[in-house]
N, C-alpha and C. Protein backbone atom coordinates (compact mmCIF):
# COMPACT_ATOMS: atom_id res chain seq x y z
N MET A 1 0.83 -1.19 0.00
CA MET A 1 0.00 0.00 0.00
C MET A 1 0.87 1.25 0.00
N ILE A 2 1.94 1.26 0.80
CA ILE A 2 2.81 2.43 0.87
C ILE A 2 3.45 2.71 -0.49
N ARG A 3 3.93 1.66 -1.15
CA ARG A 3 4.55 1.86 -2.47
C ARG A 3 3.56 2.43 -3.47
N LEU A 4 2.35 1.94 -3.46
CA LEU A 4 1.32 2.44 -4.38
C LEU A 4 1.03 3.91 -4.10
N LEU A 5 0.83 4.27 -2.85
CA LEU A 5 0.56 5.67 -2.51
C LEU A 5 1.73 6.57 -2.86
N GLY A 6 2.95 6.09 -2.62
CA GLY A 6 4.14 6.88 -2.94
C GLY A 6 4.30 7.14 -4.42
N ARG A 7 3.94 6.18 -5.24
CA ARG A 7 4.05 6.34 -6.70
C ARG A 7 2.99 7.27 -7.26
N THR A 8 1.81 7.26 -6.69
CA THR A 8 0.72 8.03 -7.26
C THR A 8 0.74 9.51 -6.87
N LYS A 9 1.48 9.86 -5.83
CA LYS A 9 1.62 11.26 -5.40
C LYS A 9 0.26 11.95 -5.34
N GLN A 10 -0.55 11.50 -4.43
CA GLN A 10 -1.91 12.00 -4.25
C GLN A 10 -1.94 13.52 -4.04
N LYS A 11 -2.90 14.19 -4.67
CA LYS A 11 -3.04 15.63 -4.48
C LYS A 11 -3.53 15.93 -3.06
N TYR A 12 -4.40 15.08 -2.54
CA TYR A 12 -4.93 15.26 -1.18
C TYR A 12 -4.76 13.98 -0.38
N LEU A 13 -4.48 14.15 0.91
CA LEU A 13 -4.51 13.05 1.87
C LEU A 13 -5.51 13.42 2.95
N ILE A 14 -6.32 12.49 3.35
CA ILE A 14 -7.28 12.72 4.43
C ILE A 14 -6.97 11.72 5.53
N PHE A 15 -6.76 12.25 6.73
CA PHE A 15 -6.38 11.42 7.87
C PHE A 15 -7.50 11.46 8.91
N PHE A 16 -8.07 10.31 9.18
CA PHE A 16 -9.08 10.16 10.22
C PHE A 16 -8.36 9.72 11.49
N ASN A 17 -8.23 10.61 12.44
CA ASN A 17 -7.52 10.30 13.68
C ASN A 17 -8.51 9.76 14.72
N MET A 18 -9.00 8.58 14.43
CA MET A 18 -9.95 7.93 15.32
C MET A 18 -9.55 6.47 15.41
N GLN A 19 -9.30 6.01 16.63
CA GLN A 19 -8.80 4.65 16.82
C GLN A 19 -9.72 3.63 16.16
N SER A 20 -11.02 3.83 16.25
CA SER A 20 -11.94 2.87 15.65
C SER A 20 -11.81 2.84 14.13
N SER A 21 -11.41 3.94 13.52
CA SER A 21 -11.23 3.98 12.08
C SER A 21 -10.06 3.12 11.64
N TRP A 22 -8.99 3.11 12.45
CA TRP A 22 -7.77 2.38 12.08
C TRP A 22 -7.79 0.94 12.56
N ARG A 23 -8.68 0.60 13.46
CA ARG A 23 -8.77 -0.76 14.02
C ARG A 23 -7.41 -1.26 14.51
N ILE A 24 -6.75 -0.39 15.26
CA ILE A 24 -5.43 -0.71 15.80
C ILE A 24 -5.59 -1.70 16.95
N ALA A 25 -4.77 -2.72 16.95
CA ALA A 25 -4.77 -3.72 18.01
C ALA A 25 -3.34 -3.89 18.52
N ARG A 26 -3.22 -4.42 19.72
CA ARG A 26 -1.89 -4.70 20.27
C ARG A 26 -1.12 -5.58 19.29
N GLY A 27 0.11 -5.17 19.01
CA GLY A 27 0.95 -5.93 18.09
C GLY A 27 0.77 -5.57 16.63
N SER A 28 -0.12 -4.62 16.32
CA SER A 28 -0.33 -4.22 14.93
C SER A 28 0.91 -3.51 14.39
N ALA A 29 1.22 -3.75 13.14
CA ALA A 29 2.33 -3.03 12.49
C ALA A 29 1.90 -1.58 12.31
N ASN A 30 2.80 -0.66 12.59
CA ASN A 30 2.46 0.75 12.46
C ASN A 30 3.37 1.48 11.49
N ILE A 31 3.97 0.76 10.55
CA ILE A 31 4.88 1.35 9.58
C ILE A 31 4.20 2.43 8.74
N VAL A 32 2.92 2.27 8.46
CA VAL A 32 2.21 3.25 7.63
C VAL A 32 2.16 4.62 8.32
N PHE A 33 2.15 4.66 9.64
CA PHE A 33 2.09 5.94 10.34
C PHE A 33 3.41 6.70 10.21
N GLY A 34 4.54 6.00 10.29
CA GLY A 34 5.83 6.64 10.08
C GLY A 34 5.95 7.20 8.67
N TRP A 35 5.52 6.42 7.69
CA TRP A 35 5.53 6.87 6.30
C TRP A 35 4.64 8.10 6.14
N PHE A 36 3.46 8.05 6.75
CA PHE A 36 2.49 9.14 6.63
C PHE A 36 3.06 10.44 7.20
N VAL A 37 3.64 10.39 8.39
CA VAL A 37 4.21 11.59 9.00
C VAL A 37 5.34 12.14 8.13
N ASN A 38 6.19 11.28 7.58
CA ASN A 38 7.25 11.73 6.70
C ASN A 38 6.69 12.43 5.46
N GLN A 39 5.65 11.86 4.87
CA GLN A 39 5.01 12.47 3.71
C GLN A 39 4.45 13.85 4.05
N LEU A 40 3.79 13.94 5.19
CA LEU A 40 3.20 15.22 5.60
C LEU A 40 4.25 16.29 5.78
N MET A 41 5.32 15.95 6.49
CA MET A 41 6.34 16.95 6.81
C MET A 41 7.07 17.44 5.57
N ASN A 42 7.18 16.59 4.55
CA ASN A 42 7.98 16.95 3.38
C ASN A 42 7.17 17.35 2.15
N ASN A 43 5.91 16.95 2.06
CA ASN A 43 5.20 17.11 0.79
C ASN A 43 3.80 17.72 0.88
N TYR A 44 3.29 17.96 2.07
CA TYR A 44 1.90 18.40 2.20
C TYR A 44 1.77 19.54 3.20
N HIS A 45 0.67 20.28 3.06
CA HIS A 45 0.32 21.27 4.08
C HIS A 45 -1.17 21.10 4.39
N THR A 46 -1.54 21.52 5.57
CA THR A 46 -2.91 21.34 6.06
C THR A 46 -3.83 22.36 5.41
N VAL A 47 -4.93 21.89 4.83
CA VAL A 47 -5.93 22.79 4.23
C VAL A 47 -7.29 22.69 4.92
N GLY A 48 -7.46 21.69 5.78
CA GLY A 48 -8.73 21.57 6.48
C GLY A 48 -8.61 20.72 7.73
N ILE A 49 -9.35 21.11 8.76
CA ILE A 49 -9.42 20.34 10.00
C ILE A 49 -10.87 20.27 10.42
N ILE A 50 -11.29 19.08 10.73
CA ILE A 50 -12.63 18.88 11.28
C ILE A 50 -12.40 18.34 12.68
N ASP A 51 -12.67 19.18 13.67
CA ASP A 51 -12.38 18.87 15.07
C ASP A 51 -13.69 18.49 15.76
N ILE A 52 -13.84 17.21 16.04
CA ILE A 52 -15.07 16.71 16.66
C ILE A 52 -14.91 16.87 18.18
N LEU A 53 -15.43 17.96 18.70
CA LEU A 53 -15.26 18.30 20.10
C LEU A 53 -16.22 17.54 21.01
N SER A 54 -17.39 17.26 20.51
CA SER A 54 -18.40 16.51 21.27
C SER A 54 -19.43 15.99 20.28
N PRO A 55 -20.34 15.14 20.71
CA PRO A 55 -21.39 14.69 19.79
C PRO A 55 -22.28 15.83 19.28
N GLU A 56 -22.29 16.94 20.02
CA GLU A 56 -23.14 18.07 19.64
C GLU A 56 -22.41 19.19 18.91
N PHE A 57 -21.06 19.19 18.95
CA PHE A 57 -20.34 20.33 18.38
C PHE A 57 -19.10 19.88 17.61
N THR A 58 -19.00 20.34 16.37
CA THR A 58 -17.85 20.09 15.52
C THR A 58 -17.34 21.42 14.99
N LEU A 59 -16.04 21.62 15.08
CA LEU A 59 -15.40 22.83 14.61
C LEU A 59 -14.74 22.55 13.26
N TYR A 60 -14.99 23.41 12.28
CA TYR A 60 -14.42 23.27 10.95
C TYR A 60 -13.44 24.41 10.71
N LEU A 61 -12.22 24.08 10.34
CA LEU A 61 -11.20 25.08 10.02
C LEU A 61 -10.69 24.83 8.61
N TRP A 62 -10.56 25.89 7.83
CA TRP A 62 -10.13 25.76 6.43
C TRP A 62 -9.01 26.73 6.11
N ASP A 63 -8.18 26.35 5.19
CA ASP A 63 -7.12 27.17 4.62
C ASP A 63 -6.23 27.78 5.71
N ARG A 64 -6.14 29.10 5.80
CA ARG A 64 -5.23 29.74 6.76
C ARG A 64 -5.53 29.35 8.20
N ASP A 65 -6.79 29.19 8.53
CA ASP A 65 -7.16 28.82 9.90
C ASP A 65 -6.67 27.41 10.25
N ALA A 66 -6.51 26.56 9.25
CA ALA A 66 -6.08 25.18 9.48
C ALA A 66 -4.57 25.01 9.34
N ASP A 67 -3.94 25.79 8.48
CA ASP A 67 -2.53 25.60 8.17
C ASP A 67 -1.65 25.87 9.40
N GLY A 68 -0.65 25.03 9.57
CA GLY A 68 0.30 25.21 10.67
C GLY A 68 -0.19 24.72 12.02
N ARG A 69 -1.24 23.93 12.06
CA ARG A 69 -1.79 23.46 13.33
C ARG A 69 -1.09 22.20 13.86
N GLY A 70 -0.13 21.67 13.13
CA GLY A 70 0.61 20.51 13.61
C GLY A 70 -0.08 19.20 13.27
N LEU A 71 0.34 18.15 13.96
CA LEU A 71 -0.20 16.82 13.71
C LEU A 71 -1.56 16.66 14.39
N PRO A 72 -2.37 15.75 13.88
CA PRO A 72 -3.73 15.58 14.41
C PRO A 72 -3.77 15.22 15.89
N GLU A 73 -4.82 15.73 16.53
CA GLU A 73 -5.10 15.38 17.92
C GLU A 73 -6.22 14.36 17.93
N GLN A 74 -6.68 14.02 19.10
CA GLN A 74 -7.72 13.01 19.25
C GLN A 74 -9.01 13.42 18.53
N HIS A 75 -9.62 12.50 17.83
CA HIS A 75 -10.93 12.66 17.19
C HIS A 75 -10.99 13.81 16.18
N ASP A 76 -9.95 13.97 15.42
CA ASP A 76 -9.92 14.99 14.38
C ASP A 76 -9.84 14.32 13.01
N ILE A 77 -10.27 15.07 12.01
CA ILE A 77 -10.08 14.67 10.62
C ILE A 77 -9.27 15.79 9.98
N TYR A 78 -8.13 15.44 9.40
CA TYR A 78 -7.26 16.42 8.78
C TYR A 78 -7.24 16.21 7.27
N ILE A 79 -7.25 17.31 6.53
CA ILE A 79 -7.18 17.27 5.07
C ILE A 79 -5.90 17.99 4.66
N TYR A 80 -5.06 17.28 3.92
CA TYR A 80 -3.77 17.80 3.49
C TYR A 80 -3.73 17.91 1.97
N GLU A 81 -3.10 18.98 1.49
CA GLU A 81 -2.93 19.16 0.05
C GLU A 81 -1.44 19.10 -0.26
N ARG A 82 -1.12 18.42 -1.36
CA ARG A 82 0.27 18.29 -1.78
C ARG A 82 0.83 19.65 -2.16
N ILE A 83 2.05 19.92 -1.75
CA ILE A 83 2.73 21.16 -2.11
C ILE A 83 3.09 21.07 -3.59
N ALA A 84 2.76 22.10 -4.34
CA ALA A 84 2.84 22.07 -5.81
C ALA A 84 4.20 21.64 -6.33
N ASP A 85 5.29 22.14 -5.76
CA ASP A 85 6.61 21.83 -6.31
C ASP A 85 7.30 20.70 -5.54
N SER A 86 6.54 19.93 -4.79
CA SER A 86 7.12 18.85 -3.98
C SER A 86 7.52 17.68 -4.87
N GLY A 87 8.77 17.27 -4.77
CA GLY A 87 9.24 16.16 -5.58
C GLY A 87 9.04 14.80 -4.95
N GLY A 88 8.91 14.75 -3.62
CA GLY A 88 8.82 13.48 -2.92
C GLY A 88 7.54 12.85 -2.97
C-alpha cells in the first residue's frame, strides 16, 4: 500500500484520527504511520481540520485557519494538500 501511494503522489490526503477507524490492536504493524508523518512533513500542508469536540459540536477550520496546526489530535479529521513543487 505504501509503495502504491508513494508512486501516485496524491493531491490530497485525508487522515481520520480515530482509533476505531484504524482498528489498531496490540501488536499491529504501524509502519504506515511513520511513512504518513514523513510524507506530511515533506510534501503536504494542512488545508482543512474537522475537530469533533463533542457529539453536539464540531469545529471546521479551512485554509489559513487550518494551516500550521501541527499533527492531528484526538478525534480529528485532517485534510492535506500536496505542495505544488514537492518532488517526494
